[in-house]
Amino acid sequence: GNLGVIPSRLNSELSNNSFSDKKKIVSDPKKQFPPLKVNGYWTRETQKRWTYEDIDARSAQLLTQILSYWKFN
């Protein structure tokens, strides 16, 4: 649940930057950050922070999506 799928060309640039700096980088059109649905939770404009609670909520969201595609008995 921690952040998302990042192209390798941007990974080192995002690195240990603050969440707000990461959001600035990925929203810069020059960076050509791919608009992947899996990244939508943390890249949305309304997401202003990234806490343990946010990570847990995103993990639950991803698990729900995964289980809707792949069924386990």
PDB file of N, CA and C in Angstrom:
ATOM      1  N   GLY A   1       0.793  -1.198   0.000  1.00  0.00           N
ATOM      2  CA  GLY A   1       0.000   0.000   0.000  1.00  0.00           C
ATOM      3  C   GLY A   1       0.837   1.264   0.000  1.00  0.00           C
ATOM      4  N   ASN A   2       2.142   1.145   0.020  1.00  0.00           N
ATOM      5  CA  ASN A   2       2.960   2.347   0.092  1.00  0.00           C
ATOM      6  C   ASN A   2       3.211   2.915  -1.303  1.00  0.00           C
ATOM      7  N   LEU A   3       2.623   4.058  -1.567  1.00  0.00           N
ATOM      8  CA  LEU A   3       2.706   4.779  -2.832  1.00  0.00           C
ATOM      9  C   LEU A   3       2.314   3.915  -4.010  1.00  0.00           C
ATOM     10  N   GLY A   4       3.164   3.772  -5.024  1.00  0.00           N
ATOM     11  CA  GLY A   4       2.648   3.090  -6.192  1.00  0.00           C
ATOM     12  C   GLY A   4       3.684   2.629  -7.175  1.00  0.00           C
ATOM     13  N   VAL A   5       3.237   2.437  -8.401  1.00  0.00           N
ATOM     14  CA  VAL A   5       4.083   1.965  -9.485  1.00  0.00           C
ATOM     15  C   VAL A   5       4.767   3.187 -10.093  1.00  0.00           C
ATOM     16  N   ILE A   6       6.085   3.228  -9.974  1.00  0.00           N
ATOM     17  CA  ILE A   6       6.875   4.382 -10.398  1.00  0.00           C
ATOM     18  C   ILE A   6       7.824   3.950 -11.512  1.00  0.00           C
ATOM     19  N   PRO A   7       7.869   4.702 -12.613  1.00  0.00           N
ATOM     20  CA  PRO A   7       8.842   4.383 -13.661  1.00  0.00           C
ATOM     21  C   PRO A   7      10.263   4.509 -13.110  1.00  0.00           C
ATOM     22  N   SER A   8      11.150   3.630 -13.517  1.00  0.00           N
ATOM     23  CA  SER A   8      12.513   3.641 -12.989  1.00  0.00           C
ATOM     24  C   SER A   8      13.213   4.979 -13.237  1.00  0.00           C
ATOM     25  N   ARG A   9      12.862   5.661 -14.315  1.00  0.00           N
ATOM     26  CA  ARG A   9      13.510   6.942 -14.604  1.00  0.00           C
ATOM     27  C   ARG A   9      13.153   8.019 -13.584  1.00  0.00           C
ATOM     28  N   LEU A  10      12.067   7.841 -12.830  1.00  0.00           N
ATOM     29  CA  LEU A  10      11.675   8.812 -11.814  1.00  0.00           C
ATOM     30  C   LEU A  10      11.931   8.326 -10.387  1.00  0.00           C
ATOM     31  N   ASN A  11      12.206   7.061 -10.232  1.00  0.00           N
ATOM     32  CA  ASN A  11      12.331   6.484  -8.900  1.00  0.00           C
ATOM     33  C   ASN A  11      13.383   7.192  -8.050  1.00  0.00           C
ATOM     34  N   SER A  12      14.569   7.409  -8.582  1.00  0.00           N
ATOM     35  CA  SER A  12      15.612   8.054  -7.792  1.00  0.00           C
ATOM     36  C   SER A  12      15.299   9.525  -7.531  1.00  0.00           C
ATOM     37  N   GLU A  13      14.593  10.167  -8.445  1.00  0.00           N
ATOM     38  CA  GLU A  13      14.217  11.565  -8.239  1.00  0.00           C
ATOM     39  C   GLU A  13      13.187  11.697  -7.112  1.00  0.00           C
ATOM     40  N   LEU A  14      12.263  10.753  -7.019  1.00  0.00           N
ATOM     41  CA  LEU A  14      11.265  10.784  -5.952  1.00  0.00           C
ATOM     42  C   LEU A  14      11.884  10.388  -4.622  1.00  0.00           C
ATOM     43  N   SER A  15      12.647   9.325  -4.656  1.00  0.00           N
ATOM     44  CA  SER A  15      13.427   8.809  -3.536  1.00  0.00           C
ATOM     45  C   SER A  15      12.840   9.112  -2.166  1.00  0.00           C
ATOM     46  N   ASN A  16      13.575   9.837  -1.343  1.00  0.00           N
ATOM     47  CA  ASN A  16      13.149  10.137   0.026  1.00  0.00           C
ATOM     48  C   ASN A  16      12.600  11.548   0.170  1.00  0.00           C
ATOM     49  N   ASN A  17      12.125  12.118  -0.921  1.00  0.00           N
ATOM     50  CA  ASN A  17      11.518  13.451  -0.856  1.00  0.00           C
ATOM     51  C   ASN A  17      10.252  13.419  -0.010  1.00  0.00           C
ATOM     52  N   SER A  18       9.841  14.578   0.422  1.00  0.00           N
ATOM     53  CA  SER A  18       8.584  14.677   1.162  1.00  0.00           C
ATOM     54  C   SER A  18       7.428  14.312   0.234  1.00  0.00           C
ATOM     55  N   PHE A  19       6.301  13.991   0.834  1.00  0.00           N
ATOM     56  CA  PHE A  19       5.136  13.629   0.037  1.00  0.00           C
ATOM     57  C   PHE A  19       4.730  14.781  -0.878  1.00  0.00           C
ATOM     58  N   SER A  20       4.741  15.995  -0.366  1.00  0.00           N
ATOM     59  CA  SER A  20       4.346  17.144  -1.197  1.00  0.00           C
ATOM     60  C   SER A  20       5.307  17.344  -2.361  1.00  0.00           C
ATOM     61  N   ASP A  21       6.596  17.107  -2.154  1.00  0.00           N
ATOM     62  CA  ASP A  21       7.558  17.213  -3.257  1.00  0.00           C
ATOM     63  C   ASP A  21       7.327  16.116  -4.298  1.00  0.00           C
ATOM     64  N   LYS A  22       7.007  14.916  -3.840  1.00  0.00           N
ATOM     65  CA  LYS A  22       6.704  13.829  -4.774  1.00  0.00           C
ATOM     66  C   LYS A  22       5.488  14.178  -5.627  1.00  0.00           C
ATOM     67  N   LYS A  23       4.481  14.759  -4.985  1.00  0.00           N
ATOM     68  CA  LYS A  23       3.276  15.143  -5.728  1.00  0.00           C
ATOM     69  C   LYS A  23       3.597  16.196  -6.782  1.00  0.00           C
ATOM     70  N   LYS A  24       4.478  17.133  -6.467  1.00  0.00           N
ATOM     71  CA  LYS A  24       4.877  18.159  -7.438  1.00  0.00           C
ATOM     72  C   LYS A  24       5.589  17.518  -8.626  1.00  0.00           C
ATOM     73  N   ILE A  25       6.463  16.581  -8.345  1.00  0.00           N
ATOM     74  CA  ILE A  25       7.222  15.915  -9.412  1.00  0.00           C
ATOM     75  C   ILE A  25       6.288  15.154 -10.347  1.00  0.00           C
ATOM     76  N   VAL A  26       5.393  14.343  -9.789  1.00  0.00           N
ATOM     77  CA  VAL A  26       4.529  13.524 -10.644  1.00  0.00           C
ATOM     78  C   VAL A  26       3.466  14.344 -11.369  1.00  0.00           C
ATOM     79  N   SER A  27       3.168  15.540 -10.864  1.00  0.00           N
ATOM     80  CA  SER A  27       2.172  16.375 -11.546  1.00  0.00           C
ATOM     81  C   SER A  27       2.795  17.274 -12.617  1.00  0.00           C
ATOM     82  N   ASP A  28       4.119  17.289 -12.692  1.00  0.00           N
ATOM     83  CA  ASP A  28       4.815  18.087 -13.698  1.00  0.00           C
ATOM     84  C   ASP A  28       4.690  17.397 -15.061  1.00  0.00           C
ATOM     85  N   PRO A  29       4.032  18.026 -16.029  1.00  0.00           N
ATOM     86  CA  PRO A  29       3.856  17.394 -17.351  1.00  0.00           C
ATOM     87  C   PRO A  29       5.173  17.022 -18.026  1.00  0.00           C
ATOM     88  N   LYS A  30       6.228  17.736 -17.719  1.00  0.00           N
ATOM     89  CA  LYS A  30       7.537  17.434 -18.318  1.00  0.00           C
ATOM     90  C   LYS A  30       8.083  16.086 -17.858  1.00  0.00           C
ATOM     91  N   LYS A  31       7.647  15.630 -16.701  1.00  0.00           N
ATOM     92  CA  LYS A  31       8.120  14.346 -16.157  1.00  0.00           C
ATOM     93  C   LYS A  31       7.425  13.157 -16.807  1.00  0.00           C
ATOM     94  N   GLN A  32       6.312  13.389 -17.465  1.00  0.00           N
ATOM     95  CA  GLN A  32       5.557  12.348 -18.163  1.00  0.00           C
ATOM     96  C   GLN A  32       5.258  11.149 -17.263  1.00  0.00           C
ATOM     97  N   PHE A  33       4.759  11.450 -16.065  1.00  0.00           N
ATOM     98  CA  PHE A  33       4.369  10.392 -15.139  1.00  0.00           C
ATOM     99  C   PHE A  33       3.140   9.691 -15.694  1.00  0.00           C
ATOM    100  N   PRO A  34       3.188   8.370 -15.888  1.00  0.00           N
ATOM    101  CA  PRO A  34       2.054   7.663 -16.487  1.00  0.00           C
ATOM    102  C   PRO A  34       0.830   7.673 -15.573  1.00  0.00           C
ATOM    103  N   PRO A  35      -0.333   7.985 -16.110  1.00  0.00           N
ATOM    104  CA  PRO A  35      -1.559   8.052 -15.304  1.00  0.00           C
ATOM    105  C   PRO A  35      -2.157   6.666 -15.036  1.00  0.00           C
ATOM    106  N   LEU A  36      -1.434   5.848 -14.316  1.00  0.00           N
ATOM    107  CA  LEU A  36      -1.895   4.495 -14.022  1.00  0.00           C
ATOM    108  C   LEU A  36      -2.974   4.529 -12.946  1.00  0.00           C
ATOM    109  N   LYS A  37      -4.002   3.743 -13.137  1.00  0.00           N
ATOM    110  CA  LYS A  37      -5.105   3.683 -12.179  1.00  0.00           C
ATOM    111  C   LYS A  37      -4.618   3.280 -10.787  1.00  0.00           C
ATOM    112  N   VAL A  38      -3.634   2.408 -10.720  1.00  0.00           N
ATOM    113  CA  VAL A  38      -3.122   1.929  -9.439  1.00  0.00           C
ATOM    114  C   VAL A  38      -2.487   3.072  -8.635  1.00  0.00           C
ATOM    115  N   ASN A  39      -2.059   4.135  -9.303  1.00  0.00           N
ATOM    116  CA  ASN A  39      -1.470   5.284  -8.613  1.00  0.00           C
ATOM    117  C   ASN A  39      -2.501   6.354  -8.259  1.00  0.00           C
ATOM    118  N   GLY A  40      -3.721   6.169  -8.686  1.00  0.00           N
ATOM    119  CA  GLY A  40      -4.747   7.185  -8.504  1.00  0.00           C
ATOM    120  C   GLY A  40      -5.034   7.559  -7.068  1.00  0.00           C
ATOM    121  N   TYR A  41      -4.868   6.618  -6.148  1.00  0.00           N
ATOM    122  CA  TYR A  41      -5.186   6.892  -4.746  1.00  0.00           C
ATOM    123  C   TYR A  41      -4.281   7.977  -4.175  1.00  0.00           C
ATOM    124  N   TRP A  42      -2.985   7.881  -4.423  1.00  0.00           N
ATOM    125  CA  TRP A  42      -2.062   8.846  -3.813  1.00  0.00           C
ATOM    126  C   TRP A  42      -1.766  10.056  -4.691  1.00  0.00           C
ATOM    127  N   THR A  43      -2.032   9.965  -5.983  1.00  0.00           N
ATOM    128  CA  THR A  43      -1.756  11.111  -6.854  1.00  0.00           C
ATOM    129  C   THR A  43      -2.942  12.054  -6.993  1.00  0.00           C
ATOM    130  N   ARG A  44      -4.095  11.658  -6.466  1.00  0.00           N
ATOM    131  CA  ARG A  44      -5.273  12.525  -6.573  1.00  0.00           C
ATOM    132  C   ARG A  44      -4.989  13.865  -5.882  1.00  0.00           C
ATOM    133  N   GLU A  45      -5.608  14.875  -6.406  1.00  0.00           N
ATOM    134  CA  GLU A  45      -5.355  16.233  -5.920  1.00  0.00           C
ATOM    135  C   GLU A  45      -5.742  16.423  -4.458  1.00  0.00           C
ATOM    136  N   THR A  46      -6.747  15.705  -4.014  1.00  0.00           N
ATOM    137  CA  THR A  46      -7.221  15.867  -2.640  1.00  0.00           C
ATOM    138  C   THR A  46      -6.314  15.194  -1.606  1.00  0.00           C
ATOM    139  N   GLN A  47      -5.395  14.331  -2.042  1.00  0.00           N
ATOM    140  CA  GLN A  47      -4.493  13.640  -1.108  1.00  0.00           C
ATOM    141  C   GLN A  47      -3.360  14.586  -0.732  1.00  0.00           C
ATOM    142  N   LYS A  48      -3.369  15.079   0.500  1.00  0.00           N
ATOM    143  CA  LYS A  48      -2.400  16.090   0.941  1.00  0.00           C
ATOM    144  C   LYS A  48      -1.316  15.535   1.853  1.00  0.00           C
ATOM    145  N   ARG A  49      -1.489  14.308   2.308  1.00  0.00           N
ATOM    146  CA  ARG A  49      -0.512  13.708   3.217  1.00  0.00           C
ATOM    147  C   ARG A  49      -0.448  12.215   2.940  1.00  0.00           C
ATOM    148  N   TRP A  50       0.530  11.543   3.537  1.00  0.00           N
ATOM    149  CA  TRP A  50       0.666  10.102   3.367  1.00  0.00           C
ATOM    150  C   TRP A  50       1.132   9.523   4.696  1.00  0.00           C
ATOM    151  N   THR A  51       0.158   9.073   5.491  1.00  0.00           N
ATOM    152  CA  THR A  51       0.429   8.574   6.836  1.00  0.00           C
ATOM    153  C   THR A  51       0.273   7.057   6.878  1.00  0.00           C
ATOM    154  N   TYR A  52       0.560   6.497   8.041  1.00  0.00           N
ATOM    155  CA  TYR A  52       0.352   5.056   8.213  1.00  0.00           C
ATOM    156  C   TYR A  52      -1.092   4.679   7.935  1.00  0.00           C
ATOM    157  N   GLU A  53      -2.011   5.538   8.361  1.00  0.00           N
ATOM    158  CA  GLU A  53      -3.431   5.273   8.132  1.00  0.00           C
ATOM    159  C   GLU A  53      -3.762   5.285   6.641  1.00  0.00           C
ATOM    160  N   ASP A  54      -3.147   6.204   5.906  1.00  0.00           N
ATOM    161  CA  ASP A  54      -3.357   6.258   4.458  1.00  0.00           C
ATOM    162  C   ASP A  54      -2.807   5.008   3.776  1.00  0.00           C
ATOM    163  N   ILE A  55      -1.657   4.555   4.238  1.00  0.00           N
ATOM    164  CA  ILE A  55      -1.047   3.339   3.681  1.00  0.00           C
ATOM    165  C   ILE A  55      -1.954   2.137   3.947  1.00  0.00           C
ATOM    166  N   ASP A  56      -2.473   2.027   5.166  1.00  0.00           N
ATOM    167  CA  ASP A  56      -3.379   0.923   5.498  1.00  0.00           C
ATOM    168  C   ASP A  56      -4.659   0.979   4.658  1.00  0.00           C
ATOM    169  N   ALA A  57      -5.202   2.176   4.495  1.00  0.00           N
ATOM    170  CA  ALA A  57      -6.429   2.325   3.696  1.00  0.00           C
ATOM    171  C   ALA A  57      -6.170   1.936   2.247  1.00  0.00           C
ATOM    172  N   ARG A  58      -5.044   2.353   1.713  1.00  0.00           N
ATOM    173  CA  ARG A  58      -4.719   2.004   0.330  1.00  0.00           C
ATOM    174  C   ARG A  58      -4.478   0.504   0.194  1.00  0.00           C
ATOM    175  N   SER A  59      -3.820  -0.091   1.169  1.00  0.00           N
ATOM    176  CA  SER A  59      -3.605  -1.547   1.145  1.00  0.00           C
ATOM    177  C   SER A  59      -4.932  -2.283   1.089  1.00  0.00           C
ATOM    178  N   ALA A  60      -5.880  -1.848   1.894  1.00  0.00           N
ATOM    179  CA  ALA A  60      -7.204  -2.475   1.898  1.00  0.00           C
ATOM    180  C   ALA A  60      -7.891  -2.292   0.550  1.00  0.00           C
ATOM    181  N   GLN A  61      -7.760  -1.106  -0.033  1.00  0.00           N
ATOM    182  CA  GLN A  61      -8.354  -0.835  -1.343  1.00  0.00           C
ATOM    183  C   GLN A  61      -7.735  -1.746  -2.405  1.00  0.00           C
ATOM    184  N   LEU A  62      -6.415  -1.870  -2.393  1.00  0.00           N
ATOM    185  CA  LEU A  62      -5.749  -2.736  -3.376  1.00  0.00           C
ATOM    186  C   LEU A  62      -6.155  -4.192  -3.197  1.00  0.00           C
ATOM    187  N   LEU A  63      -6.247  -4.643  -1.959  1.00  0.00           N
ATOM    188  CA  LEU A  63      -6.648  -6.027  -1.698  1.00  0.00           C
ATOM    189  C   LEU A  63      -8.059  -6.286  -2.208  1.00  0.00           C
ATOM    190  N   THR A  64      -8.951  -5.348  -1.990  1.00  0.00           N
ATOM    191  CA  THR A  64     -10.329  -5.486  -2.484  1.00  0.00           C
ATOM    192  C   THR A  64     -10.342  -5.597  -4.006  1.00  0.00           C
ATOM    193  N   GLN A  65      -9.565  -4.762  -4.662  1.00  0.00           N
ATOM    194  CA  GLN A  65      -9.496  -4.816  -6.123  1.00  0.00           C
ATOM    195  C   GLN A  65      -8.907  -6.130  -6.603  1.00  0.00           C
ATOM    196  N   ILE A  66      -7.850  -6.579  -5.956  1.00  0.00           N
ATOM    197  CA  ILE A  66      -7.206  -7.842  -6.336  1.00  0.00           C
ATOM    198  C   ILE A  66      -8.192  -9.005  -6.196  1.00  0.00           C
ATOM    199  N   LEU A  67      -8.902  -9.036  -5.077  1.00  0.00           N
ATOM    200  CA  LEU A  67      -9.833 -10.139  -4.839  1.00  0.00           C
ATOM    201  C   LEU A  67     -11.041 -10.090  -5.761  1.00  0.00           C
ATOM    202  N   SER A  68     -11.331  -8.933  -6.335  1.00  0.00           N
ATOM    203  CA  SER A  68     -12.431  -8.873  -7.294  1.00  0.00           C
ATOM    204  C   SER A  68     -12.032  -9.490  -8.632  1.00  0.00           C
ATOM    205  N   TYR A  69     -10.740  -9.562  -8.903  1.00  0.00           N
ATOM    206  CA  TYR A  69     -10.241 -10.170 -10.140  1.00  0.00           C
ATOM    207  C   TYR A  69      -9.887 -11.631  -9.956  1.00  0.00           C
ATOM    208  N   TRP A  70      -9.246 -11.955  -8.826  1.00  0.00           N
ATOM    209  CA  TRP A  70      -8.801 -13.313  -8.571  1.00  0.00           C
ATOM    210  C   TRP A  70      -9.499 -13.844  -7.337  1.00  0.00           C
ATOM    211  N   LYS A  71     -10.263 -14.896  -7.508  1.00  0.00           N
ATOM    212  CA  LYS A  71     -11.021 -15.500  -6.414  1.00  0.00           C
ATOM    213  C   LYS A  71     -10.210 -16.596  -5.756  1.00  0.00           C
ATOM    214  N   PHE A  72     -10.247 -16.598  -4.428  1.00  0.00           N
ATOM    215  CA  PHE A  72      -9.567 -17.633  -3.654  1.00  0.00           C
ATOM    216  C   PHE A  72     -10.604 -18.377  -2.847  1.00  0.00           C
ATOM    217  N   ASN A  73     -10.510 -19.696  -2.829  1.00  0.00           N
ATOM    218  CA  ASN A  73     -11.457 -20.517  -2.053  1.00  0.00           C
ATOM    219  C   ASN A  73     -10.832 -20.978  -0.766  1.00  0.00           C
TER     220      ASN A  73
END
